[in-house]
Amino acid sequence: MKSINTRGLLGVFASGMLTLSALPVVFAAQDATPVLTRITAVIADIKNRDAQYRAVIALDPEAQAVARSLDLQRRAPGPLHGEPILLKDNIESKGQATTAGSLALAENRTGRDAPLVAQLRQGGAVILGKANLSEWANFRSEFSSSGWSGVGGQTRNAIDPARTPCGSSSGSAVAVALGYVDVAIGTETSGSIVCPASINGVVGFKPTQGLVSGEGIVPLASTQDTAGPIANSVPLAARTLAVMSDPQAENSRSIRKGLMTLDAVSSLEGLRIGIFARTQNYDPRRDAELDRVLALLKSKGATLIPGLDIEPYEGYGQDSYDVLLYEFRRDLNAYLAGLPNALSSMTLASLIAFNEEHAEDELKYFDQSIFLKAQSLPDSEEEYRRKRKATQKAMREDGLDKLFGEHALDALLGITVGPAWMIDWVNGDAFFGPGMAGQAAVAGNPHITLPLGQLANLPIGVSLIGERWQDHKLAAIAALLETAHEEQ
């Protein structure tokens, strides 16, 4: 920044030509357009590089105008002042279509911001555009390839473009990993933030279900859906979550404050960390990476409680799938009916018909088996409620709550998922080893993944799960672990 001639400035003051209220403009003029300069560079970078990765579906044509206005504003900057942010393309933003990756919603312009988007804007963020995703949040086919959508094509892994980006928040994670942006917003029903973050070597933060408003997001299953940040560091992810959290959510004020300050925990020493056994003993190379993390925690004085697991009842897997199928049909039909445009007459049934009519574009790689199952599922609310209650109890009261209570845990740790497998449009995804996303998703607990290992030069994330409504504590623990790893 150029230096300011203070003697000359005082002279202008004495002459009466400059007032105190004009000072911000004078100082800003020394570097007049830092936000616009940054946003312009990011847009150029995406246009230059993204043809290979297909992480971005569309850029917001108003992004540079918003940047200019931020450069001119005189009020105190927000916590995300000038931060370019990409939104997964199932999150509504005014001025852009919200497609969920489907050609059927290619013209879905609602003219409104989802509440979380309005809060990001109020916090000073520049909404840069829409990130690619697994079409319909990866809930169309049982043989899908993560990161593919009819609108955006195949998103590719940031480290090896022949490999999967995972999903369904594929473009959000890849955009951060490639350095287009430092933070993007994804959504998760079960693993859709933490898996692509882990696979691409960045931080993913799935908050407590209900901490972020789900209004204005194309739904999958409302009792598990949540939006959350994917970022290049834990502090930035936490700060972004603080800004986008619903002010009306339970314990919101203290959570948001703690996410900003990261002071809920000051040291790893004395923390009780449970080790989720399910993610171990799958591959010795993965185990070796986890062992390094455990050794680091021990060296910092944490107490490790190994061998913890959750064993749900027989039939849990089918019940949890049926819950998702029921909620998907119900919630999607309600969302479509509420659209303020010509698409409000659409239903899941008409989407199925649309895909059949446009099979060359929508069904060329995989089918719509999940759509068909959801549409044909018996419409029994009583049966749905029974299964929802049973599955949530298995993961919450009899699962994570029990582990945290019996062992006085501060967090539960394990391997997130990975490394990345090859993209396969014939057989679909081939997840490498068990993870721990489903437990936190069904129970509604917060879940952070951060990059702490590699296998064959491909990232492997380590997961931390916290207690519900303790997102600020979990973020503080993750930030301490991130710092300890960086200082090794």
Protein backbone atom coordinates (compact mmCIF):
# COMPACT_ATOMS: atom_id res chain seq x y z
CA MET A 1 0.00 0.00 0.00
CA LYS A 2 1.22 3.51 -0.80
CA SER A 3 2.17 5.67 2.18
CA ILE A 4 -0.11 8.54 3.18
CA ASN A 5 1.32 12.07 3.34
CA THR A 6 0.09 12.92 6.83
CA ARG A 7 1.50 16.48 6.79
CA GLY A 8 -0.42 17.24 3.61
CA LEU A 9 -3.50 15.58 5.07
CA LEU A 10 -3.36 17.84 8.15
CA GLY A 11 -3.07 20.84 5.87
CA VAL A 12 -6.21 19.87 4.00
CA PHE A 13 -7.99 19.41 7.34
CA ALA A 14 -6.94 22.92 8.41
CA SER A 15 -8.31 24.38 5.20
CA GLY A 16 -11.72 22.85 5.88
CA MET A 17 -11.68 20.89 2.61
CA LEU A 18 -11.72 17.49 4.39
CA THR A 19 -13.95 16.23 7.19
CA LEU A 20 -13.61 13.22 9.49
CA SER A 21 -16.49 11.47 7.74
CA ALA A 22 -14.49 11.47 4.50
CA LEU A 23 -11.41 9.84 6.03
CA PRO A 24 -12.41 6.23 5.14
CA VAL A 25 -12.58 7.22 1.47
CA VAL A 26 -9.14 8.81 1.63
CA PHE A 27 -7.57 5.75 3.19
CA ALA A 28 -9.38 3.36 0.84
CA ALA A 29 -8.05 5.32 -2.11
CA GLN A 30 -4.53 4.22 -1.22
CA ASP A 31 -5.57 0.74 -2.39
CA ALA A 32 -8.87 1.60 -3.96
CA THR A 33 -10.23 -1.72 -5.17
CA PRO A 34 -8.71 -4.67 -3.26
CA VAL A 35 -11.93 -6.71 -3.30
CA LEU A 36 -12.60 -6.10 -6.99
CA THR A 37 -8.98 -6.93 -7.81
CA ARG A 38 -9.26 -10.22 -5.95
CA ILE A 39 -12.62 -11.19 -7.44
CA THR A 40 -11.45 -10.36 -10.96
CA ALA A 41 -8.37 -12.53 -10.50
CA VAL A 42 -10.43 -15.44 -9.16
CA ILE A 43 -12.83 -15.27 -12.11
CA ALA A 44 -9.91 -15.25 -14.54
CA ASP A 45 -8.35 -18.25 -12.77
CA ILE A 46 -11.57 -20.25 -13.01
CA LYS A 47 -12.01 -19.41 -16.69
CA ASN A 48 -8.40 -20.36 -17.36
CA ARG A 49 -8.28 -23.69 -15.49
CA ASP A 50 -11.73 -25.11 -14.88
CA ALA A 51 -12.39 -26.68 -18.27
CA GLN A 52 -10.39 -29.68 -17.04
CA TYR A 53 -11.96 -29.96 -13.57
CA ARG A 54 -15.53 -28.74 -14.12
CA ALA A 55 -15.85 -27.64 -10.51
CA VAL A 56 -17.90 -24.55 -11.36
CA ILE A 57 -21.28 -24.61 -13.09
CA ALA A 58 -21.83 -20.87 -13.42
CA LEU A 59 -20.31 -17.57 -12.31
CA ASP A 60 -22.52 -14.88 -10.84
CA PRO A 61 -22.60 -11.94 -13.31
CA GLU A 62 -23.05 -9.54 -10.37
CA ALA A 63 -19.94 -10.67 -8.46
CA GLN A 64 -17.72 -7.85 -9.69
CA ALA A 65 -20.40 -5.23 -9.04
CA VAL A 66 -20.75 -6.53 -5.48
CA ALA A 67 -16.98 -6.37 -5.11
CA ARG A 68 -16.96 -2.74 -6.22
CA SER A 69 -19.64 -1.87 -3.68
CA LEU A 70 -17.63 -3.53 -0.90
CA ASP A 71 -14.59 -1.49 -1.87
CA LEU A 72 -16.68 1.67 -1.53
CA GLN A 73 -18.52 0.88 1.69
CA ARG A 74 -17.76 2.99 4.73
CA ARG A 75 -19.18 0.81 7.48
CA ALA A 76 -16.97 -1.57 9.42
CA PRO A 77 -16.14 -4.65 7.34
CA GLY A 78 -17.93 -7.91 8.10
CA PRO A 79 -16.12 -11.07 9.22
CA LEU A 80 -16.03 -12.35 5.63
CA HIS A 81 -15.34 -8.99 3.97
CA GLY A 82 -14.48 -9.53 0.31
CA GLU A 83 -14.29 -13.31 0.64
CA PRO A 84 -15.25 -15.00 -2.66
CA ILE A 85 -17.56 -17.93 -1.98
CA LEU A 86 -18.97 -20.58 -4.30
CA LEU A 87 -22.31 -22.18 -3.49
CA LYS A 88 -23.18 -25.77 -4.25
CA ASP A 89 -25.81 -25.55 -6.98
CA ASN A 90 -28.66 -26.79 -4.84
CA ILE A 91 -28.57 -23.58 -2.77
CA GLU A 92 -30.69 -20.68 -3.99
CA SER A 93 -29.13 -17.31 -4.79
CA LYS A 94 -30.93 -14.43 -6.44
CA GLY A 95 -29.85 -13.75 -9.99
CA GLN A 96 -28.76 -17.33 -10.72
CA ALA A 97 -30.51 -20.58 -11.52
CA THR A 98 -30.51 -23.31 -8.87
CA THR A 99 -30.38 -26.57 -10.78
CA ALA A 100 -29.34 -29.36 -8.39
CA GLY A 101 -27.31 -30.38 -11.45
CA SER A 102 -30.43 -31.45 -13.34
CA LEU A 103 -31.39 -30.20 -16.78
CA ALA A 104 -34.99 -30.28 -15.58
CA LEU A 105 -34.17 -27.34 -13.29
CA ALA A 106 -31.88 -25.52 -15.71
CA GLU A 107 -34.20 -22.48 -15.63
CA ASN A 108 -35.01 -22.62 -11.92
CA ARG A 109 -34.56 -18.94 -11.13
CA THR A 110 -36.27 -18.12 -7.87
CA GLY A 111 -35.08 -14.52 -7.51
CA ARG A 112 -34.31 -15.12 -3.85
CA ASP A 113 -31.39 -15.91 -1.58
CA ALA A 114 -31.51 -18.85 0.79
CA PRO A 115 -31.25 -17.43 4.34
CA LEU A 116 -27.70 -18.74 4.68
CA VAL A 117 -26.75 -16.88 1.49
CA ALA A 118 -28.31 -13.65 2.73
CA GLN A 119 -26.28 -14.01 5.93
CA LEU A 120 -23.07 -14.61 3.99
CA ARG A 121 -23.70 -11.47 1.97
CA GLN A 122 -24.41 -9.51 5.14
CA GLY A 123 -21.11 -10.79 6.52
CA GLY A 124 -19.28 -9.27 3.57
CA ALA A 125 -18.88 -12.32 1.33
CA VAL A 126 -19.00 -12.09 -2.45
CA ILE A 127 -21.13 -14.88 -3.91
CA LEU A 128 -18.97 -15.88 -6.85
CA GLY A 129 -21.26 -18.44 -8.43
CA LYS A 130 -22.44 -22.04 -8.34
CA ALA A 131 -20.32 -25.15 -7.84
CA ASN A 132 -20.93 -28.43 -9.65
CA LEU A 133 -22.28 -31.38 -7.68
CA SER A 134 -23.45 -34.94 -7.93
CA GLU A 135 -26.83 -34.50 -9.57
CA TRP A 136 -29.70 -34.43 -7.07
CA ALA A 137 -27.12 -34.65 -4.27
CA ASN A 138 -26.21 -38.17 -5.46
CA PHE A 139 -29.72 -39.48 -4.84
CA ARG A 140 -30.85 -40.46 -8.31
CA SER A 141 -29.09 -43.76 -9.02
CA GLU A 142 -27.52 -46.59 -7.05
CA PHE A 143 -24.83 -46.75 -9.76
CA SER A 144 -23.94 -43.07 -9.94
CA SER A 145 -20.52 -41.52 -10.39
CA SER A 146 -19.90 -38.84 -7.76
CA GLY A 147 -19.48 -35.35 -9.17
CA TRP A 148 -21.41 -35.93 -12.40
CA SER A 149 -24.43 -33.82 -13.28
CA GLY A 150 -26.40 -33.26 -16.44
CA VAL A 151 -25.80 -29.52 -16.17
CA GLY A 152 -22.14 -29.47 -15.17
CA GLY A 153 -20.66 -32.72 -16.47
CA GLN A 154 -18.06 -34.68 -14.50
CA THR A 155 -16.21 -32.85 -11.74
CA ARG A 156 -12.70 -34.24 -11.39
CA ASN A 157 -10.42 -34.76 -8.41
CA ALA A 158 -8.13 -31.81 -7.71
CA ILE A 159 -5.06 -34.00 -7.16
CA ASP A 160 -5.62 -36.56 -9.94
CA PRO A 161 -8.28 -35.68 -12.55
CA ALA A 162 -8.74 -39.35 -13.46
CA ARG A 163 -10.05 -40.00 -9.96
CA THR A 164 -13.29 -39.22 -8.20
CA PRO A 165 -13.87 -35.95 -6.38
CA CYS A 166 -16.41 -37.80 -4.20
CA GLY A 167 -19.67 -36.02 -3.57
CA SER A 168 -22.12 -34.75 -3.55
CA SER A 169 -20.48 -31.38 -2.77
CA SER A 170 -17.87 -32.20 -5.38
CA GLY A 171 -17.29 -28.83 -7.02
CA SER A 172 -17.21 -27.03 -3.68
CA ALA A 173 -14.34 -29.20 -2.43
CA VAL A 174 -12.41 -29.23 -5.71
CA ALA A 175 -12.66 -25.44 -6.05
CA VAL A 176 -11.10 -25.00 -2.60
CA ALA A 177 -8.44 -27.64 -3.23
CA LEU A 178 -7.46 -25.98 -6.52
CA GLY A 179 -7.24 -22.60 -4.81
CA TYR A 180 -9.99 -20.91 -6.81
CA VAL A 181 -11.51 -19.87 -3.49
CA ASP A 182 -10.54 -20.35 0.14
CA VAL A 183 -14.03 -21.40 1.18
CA ALA A 184 -17.15 -22.79 -0.50
CA ILE A 185 -20.51 -24.01 0.74
CA GLY A 186 -21.65 -27.61 0.42
CA THR A 187 -24.58 -29.61 1.73
CA GLU A 188 -24.72 -32.99 3.39
CA THR A 189 -27.33 -35.61 4.09
CA SER A 190 -24.79 -38.35 4.74
CA GLY A 191 -21.14 -37.73 3.87
CA SER A 192 -21.62 -35.15 1.12
CA ILE A 193 -19.44 -32.49 2.76
CA VAL A 194 -16.87 -34.62 4.54
CA CYS A 195 -16.22 -37.16 1.77
CA PRO A 196 -15.23 -34.70 -1.00
CA ALA A 197 -13.30 -32.60 1.52
CA SER A 198 -11.35 -35.68 2.65
CA ILE A 199 -10.74 -36.95 -0.89
CA ASN A 200 -9.45 -33.56 -2.08
CA GLY A 201 -7.35 -32.71 0.97
CA VAL A 202 -9.30 -29.81 2.49
CA VAL A 203 -11.39 -29.09 5.60
CA GLY A 204 -15.08 -29.97 5.65
CA PHE A 205 -17.47 -28.99 8.44
CA LYS A 206 -20.90 -30.61 8.71
CA PRO A 207 -22.63 -28.75 11.53
CA THR A 208 -25.21 -29.98 13.99
CA GLN A 209 -28.39 -30.61 12.02
CA GLY A 210 -30.55 -27.53 12.51
CA LEU A 211 -27.77 -25.02 13.18
CA VAL A 212 -28.03 -23.73 9.59
CA SER A 213 -31.39 -22.96 8.01
CA GLY A 214 -32.42 -25.41 5.30
CA GLU A 215 -34.79 -22.96 3.64
CA GLY A 216 -33.95 -22.27 0.01
CA ILE A 217 -32.01 -25.51 -0.47
CA VAL A 218 -33.19 -28.25 -2.82
CA PRO A 219 -33.91 -31.00 -0.28
CA LEU A 220 -32.97 -34.63 -0.03
CA ALA A 221 -34.15 -35.52 3.48
CA SER A 222 -35.06 -32.71 5.84
CA THR A 223 -34.22 -34.51 9.09
CA GLN A 224 -30.61 -35.01 7.97
CA ASP A 225 -29.95 -32.24 5.44
CA THR A 226 -27.60 -29.43 6.39
CA ALA A 227 -25.36 -26.94 4.64
CA GLY A 228 -21.81 -26.36 5.81
CA PRO A 229 -18.46 -24.88 4.75
CA ILE A 230 -15.55 -26.49 2.94
CA ALA A 231 -12.38 -24.46 3.44
CA ASN A 232 -8.60 -24.44 3.36
CA SER A 233 -8.34 -24.14 7.16
CA VAL A 234 -10.35 -24.89 10.27
CA PRO A 235 -10.49 -21.24 11.44
CA LEU A 236 -11.93 -20.08 8.10
CA ALA A 237 -14.46 -22.93 8.06
CA ALA A 238 -15.49 -22.05 11.61
CA ARG A 239 -15.80 -18.34 10.88
CA THR A 240 -17.90 -19.05 7.80
CA LEU A 241 -20.18 -21.36 9.76
CA ALA A 242 -20.61 -18.67 12.41
CA VAL A 243 -21.80 -16.22 9.76
CA MET A 244 -24.18 -18.65 8.03
CA SER A 245 -25.69 -20.18 11.19
CA ASP A 246 -29.35 -19.57 11.89
CA PRO A 247 -29.68 -16.91 14.62
CA GLN A 248 -32.82 -18.71 15.83
CA ALA A 249 -31.15 -22.11 16.23
CA GLU A 250 -30.65 -23.67 19.65
CA ASN A 251 -27.74 -22.13 21.58
CA SER A 252 -26.93 -20.11 18.47
CA ARG A 253 -25.38 -17.07 20.15
CA SER A 254 -22.78 -19.00 22.16
CA ILE A 255 -22.03 -21.35 19.26
CA ARG A 256 -21.47 -18.47 16.85
CA LYS A 257 -19.26 -16.62 19.33
CA GLY A 258 -17.22 -19.77 20.00
CA LEU A 259 -16.81 -20.44 16.29
CA MET A 260 -15.35 -16.96 15.87
CA THR A 261 -12.97 -17.13 18.83
CA LEU A 262 -12.15 -20.88 18.87
CA ASP A 263 -11.55 -20.57 22.60
CA ALA A 264 -13.87 -23.31 23.88
CA VAL A 265 -10.77 -25.51 24.27
CA SER A 266 -7.29 -24.08 24.82
CA SER A 267 -5.15 -27.22 24.65
CA LEU A 268 -5.20 -30.82 23.47
CA GLU A 269 -3.75 -31.81 26.83
CA GLY A 270 -6.25 -33.66 28.96
CA LEU A 271 -8.82 -34.13 26.20
CA ARG A 272 -10.47 -37.54 25.97
CA ILE A 273 -10.58 -38.67 22.34
CA GLY A 274 -12.43 -41.85 21.42
CA ILE A 275 -11.10 -43.89 18.48
CA PHE A 276 -13.78 -45.22 16.16
CA ALA A 277 -12.71 -48.81 15.52
CA ARG A 278 -14.87 -49.24 12.41
CA THR A 279 -12.47 -47.17 10.31
CA GLN A 280 -9.43 -49.26 11.31
CA ASN A 281 -8.04 -52.59 10.09
CA TYR A 282 -9.24 -52.14 6.52
CA ASP A 283 -5.89 -51.33 4.94
CA PRO A 284 -2.53 -51.21 6.77
CA ARG A 285 -1.52 -48.09 4.85
CA ARG A 286 -4.57 -46.22 6.09
CA ASP A 287 -3.93 -47.52 9.59
CA ALA A 288 -0.36 -46.20 9.46
CA GLU A 289 -1.63 -42.70 8.65
CA LEU A 290 -4.12 -42.85 11.50
CA ASP A 291 -1.42 -44.11 13.88
CA ARG A 292 0.63 -40.99 13.14
CA VAL A 293 -2.30 -38.81 14.11
CA LEU A 294 -2.85 -40.80 17.30
CA ALA A 295 0.84 -40.47 18.20
CA LEU A 296 0.60 -36.72 17.69
CA LEU A 297 -2.42 -36.49 19.98
CA LYS A 298 -0.64 -38.53 22.64
CA SER A 299 2.43 -36.32 22.42
CA LYS A 300 0.18 -33.32 23.14
CA GLY A 301 -1.24 -34.95 26.26
CA ALA A 302 -4.59 -36.19 24.98
CA THR A 303 -6.04 -39.39 26.43
CA LEU A 304 -7.06 -41.90 23.76
CA ILE A 305 -9.89 -44.39 24.28
CA PRO A 306 -9.55 -47.07 21.56
CA GLY A 307 -11.92 -49.69 20.23
CA LEU A 308 -15.19 -47.74 20.26
CA ASP A 309 -17.98 -48.60 17.84
CA ILE A 310 -21.73 -48.48 17.28
CA GLU A 311 -23.57 -51.70 16.45
CA PRO A 312 -27.07 -50.88 15.17
CA TYR A 313 -29.96 -53.33 15.15
CA GLU A 314 -30.49 -55.89 12.39
CA GLY A 315 -32.29 -54.23 9.50
CA TYR A 316 -31.00 -50.76 10.34
CA GLY A 317 -29.47 -50.27 6.89
CA GLN A 318 -32.74 -50.86 5.03
CA ASP A 319 -34.73 -48.80 7.51
CA SER A 320 -32.39 -45.82 7.18
CA TYR A 321 -32.59 -46.07 3.38
CA ASP A 322 -36.40 -46.19 3.50
CA VAL A 323 -36.40 -43.05 5.66
CA LEU A 324 -34.36 -41.21 3.04
CA LEU A 325 -36.60 -42.45 0.21
CA TYR A 326 -39.76 -41.33 2.01
CA GLU A 327 -38.40 -37.91 2.98
CA PHE A 328 -36.95 -37.34 -0.48
CA ARG A 329 -40.28 -37.80 -2.24
CA ARG A 330 -42.18 -35.78 0.36
CA ASP A 331 -39.67 -32.95 0.70
CA LEU A 332 -38.80 -32.63 -2.99
CA ASN A 333 -42.45 -32.49 -4.04
CA ALA A 334 -43.06 -29.79 -1.44
CA TYR A 335 -40.03 -27.78 -2.58
CA LEU A 336 -41.06 -27.96 -6.24
CA ALA A 337 -44.64 -26.96 -5.45
CA GLY A 338 -43.36 -23.88 -3.64
CA LEU A 339 -41.20 -22.57 -6.46
CA PRO A 340 -42.12 -19.03 -7.55
CA ASN A 341 -41.88 -19.90 -11.24
CA ALA A 342 -43.29 -22.17 -13.95
CA LEU A 343 -41.53 -25.21 -12.51
CA SER A 344 -43.93 -25.33 -9.55
CA SER A 345 -46.07 -27.91 -11.36
CA MET A 346 -43.21 -30.42 -11.38
CA THR A 347 -43.15 -33.49 -9.12
CA LEU A 348 -40.85 -36.44 -8.62
CA ALA A 349 -43.04 -38.34 -11.08
CA SER A 350 -42.63 -35.66 -13.75
CA LEU A 351 -38.87 -35.56 -13.12
CA ILE A 352 -38.73 -39.28 -13.81
CA ALA A 353 -40.61 -38.69 -17.06
CA PHE A 354 -38.31 -35.78 -17.96
CA ASN A 355 -35.23 -37.97 -17.52
CA GLU A 356 -36.74 -40.66 -19.73
CA GLU A 357 -37.55 -38.07 -22.40
CA HIS A 358 -34.01 -36.66 -22.20
CA ALA A 359 -32.23 -39.97 -21.67
CA GLU A 360 -29.36 -39.13 -24.03
CA ASP A 361 -28.33 -36.29 -21.74
CA GLU A 362 -29.54 -37.41 -18.32
CA LEU A 363 -29.33 -41.21 -18.36
CA LYS A 364 -26.34 -41.83 -20.62
CA TYR A 365 -24.09 -43.01 -17.76
CA PHE A 366 -26.41 -44.32 -15.05
CA ASP A 367 -30.09 -44.84 -14.38
CA GLN A 368 -32.60 -43.32 -11.97
CA SER A 369 -33.15 -46.36 -9.76
CA ILE A 370 -33.37 -44.30 -6.55
CA PHE A 371 -35.96 -41.99 -8.08
CA LEU A 372 -38.05 -45.01 -9.04
CA LYS A 373 -37.76 -46.56 -5.57
CA ALA A 374 -38.73 -43.30 -3.90
CA GLN A 375 -41.74 -42.87 -6.18
CA SER A 376 -42.97 -46.44 -5.62
CA LEU A 377 -42.40 -46.53 -1.83
CA PRO A 378 -45.69 -47.14 0.02
CA ASP A 379 -47.08 -43.88 1.35
CA SER A 380 -47.27 -44.90 5.00
CA GLU A 381 -46.41 -42.06 7.36
CA GLU A 382 -46.82 -44.37 10.35
CA GLU A 383 -44.22 -46.78 8.97
CA TYR A 384 -41.91 -43.89 8.12
CA ARG A 385 -42.16 -42.45 11.63
CA ARG A 386 -41.45 -45.85 13.17
CA LYS A 387 -38.32 -46.31 11.08
CA ARG A 388 -37.15 -42.75 11.60
CA LYS A 389 -37.51 -43.07 15.38
CA ALA A 390 -35.69 -46.41 15.43
CA THR A 391 -32.79 -45.35 13.22
CA GLN A 392 -32.23 -42.07 15.03
CA LYS A 393 -32.31 -43.83 18.42
CA ALA A 394 -29.75 -46.36 17.17
CA MET A 395 -27.30 -43.63 16.15
CA ARG A 396 -28.17 -41.03 18.80
CA GLU A 397 -29.31 -42.31 22.22
CA ASP A 398 -27.90 -45.84 21.78
CA GLY A 399 -24.99 -44.67 19.65
CA LEU A 400 -23.07 -41.42 19.87
CA ASP A 401 -24.77 -40.11 23.02
CA LYS A 402 -23.94 -43.37 24.76
CA LEU A 403 -20.28 -43.31 23.67
CA PHE A 404 -19.81 -39.69 24.73
CA GLY A 405 -21.56 -40.27 28.05
CA GLU A 406 -20.01 -43.59 29.09
CA HIS A 407 -16.47 -42.55 28.19
CA ALA A 408 -16.68 -38.82 28.99
CA LEU A 409 -15.45 -38.03 25.49
CA ASP A 410 -14.55 -34.64 24.11
CA ALA A 411 -14.55 -35.97 20.54
CA LEU A 412 -14.66 -39.18 18.52
CA LEU A 413 -11.93 -39.67 15.90
CA GLY A 414 -11.38 -41.93 12.91
CA ILE A 415 -10.55 -42.02 9.21
CA THR A 416 -13.06 -40.08 7.10
CA VAL A 417 -12.73 -41.94 3.81
CA GLY A 418 -10.21 -42.44 1.06
CA PRO A 419 -8.09 -42.38 -0.86
CA ALA A 420 -9.87 -41.47 -4.10
CA TRP A 421 -10.88 -44.23 -6.50
CA MET A 422 -10.97 -44.03 -10.30
CA ILE A 423 -13.98 -42.42 -11.97
CA ASP A 424 -16.16 -45.24 -13.32
CA TRP A 425 -19.29 -44.45 -15.32
CA VAL A 426 -20.09 -48.15 -15.75
CA ASN A 427 -19.96 -49.51 -12.20
CA GLY A 428 -20.31 -46.28 -10.24
CA ASP A 429 -18.53 -45.32 -7.03
CA ALA A 430 -16.22 -47.75 -5.23
CA PHE A 431 -15.65 -46.30 -1.76
CA PHE A 432 -12.27 -47.26 -0.33
CA GLY A 433 -12.85 -48.43 3.22
CA PRO A 434 -15.46 -47.63 5.85
CA GLY A 435 -15.86 -44.12 7.19
CA MET A 436 -17.86 -42.47 9.95
CA ALA A 437 -20.15 -40.06 8.13
CA GLY A 438 -23.39 -42.03 8.45
CA GLN A 439 -23.38 -42.14 12.23
CA ALA A 440 -23.08 -38.36 12.61
CA ALA A 441 -25.55 -37.77 9.77
CA VAL A 442 -28.39 -39.83 11.23
CA ALA A 443 -27.74 -38.68 14.81
CA GLY A 444 -27.39 -35.04 13.74
CA ASN A 445 -23.99 -34.51 15.37
CA PRO A 446 -21.34 -32.08 14.08
CA HIS A 447 -18.54 -33.63 12.05
CA ILE A 448 -15.27 -32.08 10.85
CA THR A 449 -12.73 -33.65 8.51
CA LEU A 450 -9.24 -32.27 8.08
CA PRO A 451 -6.34 -33.46 5.90
CA LEU A 452 -3.79 -35.28 8.04
CA GLY A 453 -2.54 -38.11 5.88
CA GLN A 454 -1.83 -39.49 2.40
CA LEU A 455 -1.86 -42.84 0.67
CA ALA A 456 0.03 -43.03 -2.64
CA ASN A 457 0.16 -39.21 -2.66
CA LEU A 458 -3.63 -39.03 -2.39
CA PRO A 459 -5.22 -37.29 0.62
CA ILE A 460 -6.92 -39.09 3.47
CA GLY A 461 -8.96 -37.06 5.91
CA VAL A 462 -9.29 -37.61 9.63
CA SER A 463 -12.72 -37.09 11.16
CA LEU A 464 -13.70 -35.56 14.47
CA ILE A 465 -17.29 -35.93 15.67
CA GLY A 466 -18.59 -33.84 18.55
CA GLU A 467 -21.71 -33.67 20.66
CA ARG A 468 -24.79 -31.97 19.24
CA TRP A 469 -24.80 -28.19 19.62
CA GLN A 470 -21.11 -28.25 20.57
CA ASP A 471 -19.89 -27.18 17.13
CA HIS A 472 -17.71 -24.46 18.65
CA LYS A 473 -15.96 -26.94 20.94
CA LEU A 474 -15.41 -29.38 18.07
CA ALA A 475 -14.00 -26.59 15.90
CA ALA A 476 -11.60 -25.55 18.66
CA ILE A 477 -10.32 -29.13 19.00
CA ALA A 478 -9.93 -29.46 15.23
CA ALA A 479 -8.04 -26.15 15.04
CA LEU A 480 -5.62 -27.29 17.75
CA LEU A 481 -5.03 -30.58 15.93
CA GLU A 482 -4.53 -28.75 12.64
CA THR A 483 -1.95 -26.45 14.23
CA ALA A 484 -0.14 -29.34 15.93
CA HIS A 485 0.06 -31.18 12.61
CA GLU A 486 1.41 -28.11 10.80
CA GLU A 487 4.08 -27.62 13.47
CA GLN A 488 5.40 -31.19 13.19
